Amino acid sequence: MKAYQLKILLKNSKPPVWRRCRVPAGITFSQLALILEHITESGACAEYEYEFYQAGIQVREWQGETGRAASFRYDCLCASDTFIDGLADQEEWFTFRPGDGRQYRVE
């Protein structure tokens, strides 16, 4: 079974605060958010966001018409419809924002 090993690093923390985990391939970004929120001890919230800076992609949970186009520089994808495999295989890292103001670099 294919899996991804992730290093989750809290941005701007001195000394570095990080966690490591493995997640199965074939899950959606919504499912990954539940895992990352548990690991980072953030409350479960639908306001999370993933940003793939180099690819110019943001992934978030769409709730009606809000949140579809947050920025003209990024293509926005729906977290519940997008599987992690495509982006995880292409990108080395991404930013995860759980909705509580903190930001994590995930490698």
C-alpha atoms as a PDB file:
ATOM      1  CA  MET A   1       0.000   0.000   0.000  1.00  0.00           C
ATOM      2  CA  LYS A   2       1.367   3.395  -0.993  1.00  0.00           C
ATOM      3  CA  ALA A   3       1.738   6.038   1.711  1.00  0.00           C
ATOM      4  CA  TYR A   4       3.307   9.454   2.143  1.00  0.00           C
ATOM      5  CA  GLN A   5       5.574  10.392   5.023  1.00  0.00           C
ATOM      6  CA  LEU A   6       4.966  13.998   6.044  1.00  0.00           C
ATOM      7  CA  LYS A   7       6.989  16.378   8.172  1.00  0.00           C
ATOM      8  CA  ILE A   8       4.715  19.077   9.622  1.00  0.00           C
ATOM      9  CA  LEU A   9       6.676  22.140  10.758  1.00  0.00           C
ATOM     10  CA  LEU A  10       5.096  25.102  12.576  1.00  0.00           C
ATOM     11  CA  LYS A  11       6.218  28.212  10.699  1.00  0.00           C
ATOM     12  CA  ASN A  12       8.135  30.924  12.590  1.00  0.00           C
ATOM     13  CA  SER A  13       8.780  28.743  15.630  1.00  0.00           C
ATOM     14  CA  LYS A  14      12.083  28.955  17.480  1.00  0.00           C
ATOM     15  CA  PRO A  15      13.183  26.260  18.271  1.00  0.00           C
ATOM     16  CA  PRO A  16      11.454  24.376  15.449  1.00  0.00           C
ATOM     17  CA  VAL A  17       8.263  22.573  16.439  1.00  0.00           C
ATOM     18  CA  TRP A  18       7.487  19.674  14.140  1.00  0.00           C
ATOM     19  CA  ARG A  19       5.741  16.325  13.858  1.00  0.00           C
ATOM     20  CA  ARG A  20       6.159  13.431  11.461  1.00  0.00           C
ATOM     21  CA  CYS A  21       3.428  11.072  10.254  1.00  0.00           C
ATOM     22  CA  ARG A  22       2.453   8.728   7.447  1.00  0.00           C
ATOM     23  CA  VAL A  23      -0.794   9.080   5.555  1.00  0.00           C
ATOM     24  CA  PRO A  24      -2.228   6.628   3.038  1.00  0.00           C
ATOM     25  CA  ALA A  25      -2.357   7.480  -0.653  1.00  0.00           C
ATOM     26  CA  GLY A  26      -5.762   7.858  -2.254  1.00  0.00           C
ATOM     27  CA  ILE A  27      -7.321  10.150   0.357  1.00  0.00           C
ATOM     28  CA  THR A  28      -8.823  13.577  -0.314  1.00  0.00           C
ATOM     29  CA  PHE A  29      -7.563  16.859   1.078  1.00  0.00           C
ATOM     30  CA  SER A  30     -10.650  16.921   3.347  1.00  0.00           C
ATOM     31  CA  GLN A  31      -9.541  13.650   4.905  1.00  0.00           C
ATOM     32  CA  LEU A  32      -5.969  14.913   5.166  1.00  0.00           C
ATOM     33  CA  ALA A  33      -7.242  18.017   6.990  1.00  0.00           C
ATOM     34  CA  LEU A  34      -8.797  15.825   9.687  1.00  0.00           C
ATOM     35  CA  ILE A  35      -5.476  14.038  10.161  1.00  0.00           C
ATOM     36  CA  LEU A  36      -3.403  17.247  10.210  1.00  0.00           C
ATOM     37  CA  GLU A  37      -5.811  19.008  12.579  1.00  0.00           C
ATOM     38  CA  HIS A  38      -5.491  16.095  14.999  1.00  0.00           C
ATOM     39  CA  ILE A  39      -1.674  16.027  14.745  1.00  0.00           C
ATOM     40  CA  THR A  40      -1.318  19.808  15.137  1.00  0.00           C
ATOM     41  CA  GLU A  41      -3.909  19.846  17.941  1.00  0.00           C
ATOM     42  CA  SER A  42      -6.074  22.397  16.125  1.00  0.00           C
ATOM     43  CA  GLY A  43      -9.802  22.250  16.485  1.00  0.00           C
ATOM     44  CA  ALA A  44     -11.683  20.648  13.594  1.00  0.00           C
ATOM     45  CA  CYS A  45     -12.798  23.483  11.336  1.00  0.00           C
ATOM     46  CA  ALA A  46     -13.953  23.873   7.740  1.00  0.00           C
ATOM     47  CA  GLU A  47     -11.867  27.044   7.360  1.00  0.00           C
ATOM     48  CA  TYR A  48      -8.626  25.178   6.564  1.00  0.00           C
ATOM     49  CA  GLU A  49      -6.584  25.855   3.455  1.00  0.00           C
ATOM     50  CA  TYR A  50      -3.691  24.295   1.570  1.00  0.00           C
ATOM     51  CA  GLU A  51      -1.396  26.423  -0.561  1.00  0.00           C
ATOM     52  CA  PHE A  52       0.943  25.023  -3.171  1.00  0.00           C
ATOM     53  CA  TYR A  53       2.903  28.205  -3.819  1.00  0.00           C
ATOM     54  CA  GLN A  54       5.096  26.992  -6.676  1.00  0.00           C
ATOM     55  CA  ALA A  55       2.164  25.453  -8.560  1.00  0.00           C
ATOM     56  CA  GLY A  56      -0.135  28.407  -7.878  1.00  0.00           C
ATOM     57  CA  ILE A  57      -2.862  26.214  -6.371  1.00  0.00           C
ATOM     58  CA  GLN A  58      -4.998  26.629  -3.263  1.00  0.00           C
ATOM     59  CA  VAL A  59      -7.164  23.801  -1.957  1.00  0.00           C
ATOM     60  CA  ARG A  60      -9.995  24.500   0.479  1.00  0.00           C
ATOM     61  CA  GLU A  61     -13.455  23.305   1.388  1.00  0.00           C
ATOM     62  CA  TRP A  62     -16.047  25.122  -0.707  1.00  0.00           C
ATOM     63  CA  GLN A  63     -19.114  26.285   1.143  1.00  0.00           C
ATOM     64  CA  GLY A  64     -21.592  27.637  -1.358  1.00  0.00           C
ATOM     65  CA  GLU A  65     -20.196  30.537  -3.341  1.00  0.00           C
ATOM     66  CA  THR A  66     -17.846  31.775  -0.619  1.00  0.00           C
ATOM     67  CA  GLY A  67     -14.200  30.866  -0.922  1.00  0.00           C
ATOM     68  CA  ARG A  68     -14.166  29.992  -4.612  1.00  0.00           C
ATOM     69  CA  ALA A  69     -11.842  32.758  -5.745  1.00  0.00           C
ATOM     70  CA  ALA A  70      -9.788  34.132  -2.878  1.00  0.00           C
ATOM     71  CA  SER A  71      -6.929  35.318  -5.075  1.00  0.00           C
ATOM     72  CA  PHE A  72      -6.418  35.882  -8.761  1.00  0.00           C
ATOM     73  CA  ARG A  73      -2.916  34.379  -8.534  1.00  0.00           C
ATOM     74  CA  TYR A  74      -4.092  30.901  -7.534  1.00  0.00           C
ATOM     75  CA  ASP A  75      -6.256  28.226  -9.058  1.00  0.00           C
ATOM     76  CA  CYS A  76      -8.676  27.036  -6.382  1.00  0.00           C
ATOM     77  CA  LEU A  77      -9.660  23.394  -5.959  1.00  0.00           C
ATOM     78  CA  CYS A  78     -12.300  21.821  -3.740  1.00  0.00           C
ATOM     79  CA  ALA A  79     -10.762  19.771  -0.915  1.00  0.00           C
ATOM     80  CA  SER A  80     -13.461  17.101  -0.871  1.00  0.00           C
ATOM     81  CA  ASP A  81     -13.103  16.470  -4.625  1.00  0.00           C
ATOM     82  CA  THR A  82      -9.290  16.582  -4.908  1.00  0.00           C
ATOM     83  CA  PHE A  83      -7.085  13.611  -4.049  1.00  0.00           C
ATOM     84  CA  ILE A  84      -3.657  14.228  -2.522  1.00  0.00           C
ATOM     85  CA  ASP A  85      -1.797  11.897  -4.890  1.00  0.00           C
ATOM     86  CA  GLY A  86      -1.423  14.247  -7.862  1.00  0.00           C
ATOM     87  CA  LEU A  87      -0.089  17.235  -5.944  1.00  0.00           C
ATOM     88  CA  ALA A  88       1.908  15.215  -3.400  1.00  0.00           C
ATOM     89  CA  ASP A  89       3.811  13.498  -6.203  1.00  0.00           C
ATOM     90  CA  GLN A  90       4.545  16.797  -8.000  1.00  0.00           C
ATOM     91  CA  GLU A  91       5.324  19.233  -5.167  1.00  0.00           C
ATOM     92  CA  GLU A  92       8.004  18.963  -2.467  1.00  0.00           C
ATOM     93  CA  TRP A  93       6.120  21.020   0.138  1.00  0.00           C
ATOM     94  CA  PHE A  94       2.944  22.974   0.808  1.00  0.00           C
ATOM     95  CA  THR A  95       1.494  25.291   3.441  1.00  0.00           C
ATOM     96  CA  PHE A  96      -1.376  24.116   5.654  1.00  0.00           C
ATOM     97  CA  ARG A  97      -3.506  26.704   7.457  1.00  0.00           C
ATOM     98  CA  PRO A  98      -5.990  25.061   9.859  1.00  0.00           C
ATOM     99  CA  GLY A  99      -8.078  28.209  10.372  1.00  0.00           C
ATOM    100  CA  ASP A 100      -6.759  29.195  13.806  1.00  0.00           C
ATOM    101  CA  GLY A 101      -4.135  31.643  12.529  1.00  0.00           C
ATOM    102  CA  ARG A 102      -1.218  29.203  12.573  1.00  0.00           C
ATOM    103  CA  GLN A 103       0.615  28.064   9.460  1.00  0.00           C
ATOM    104  CA  TYR A 104       2.485  24.819   8.861  1.00  0.00           C
ATOM    105  CA  ARG A 105       4.984  23.861   6.216  1.00  0.00           C
ATOM    106  CA  VAL A 106       4.342  20.262   5.209  1.00  0.00           C
ATOM    107  CA  GLU A 107       7.146  18.424   3.418  1.00  0.00           C
END
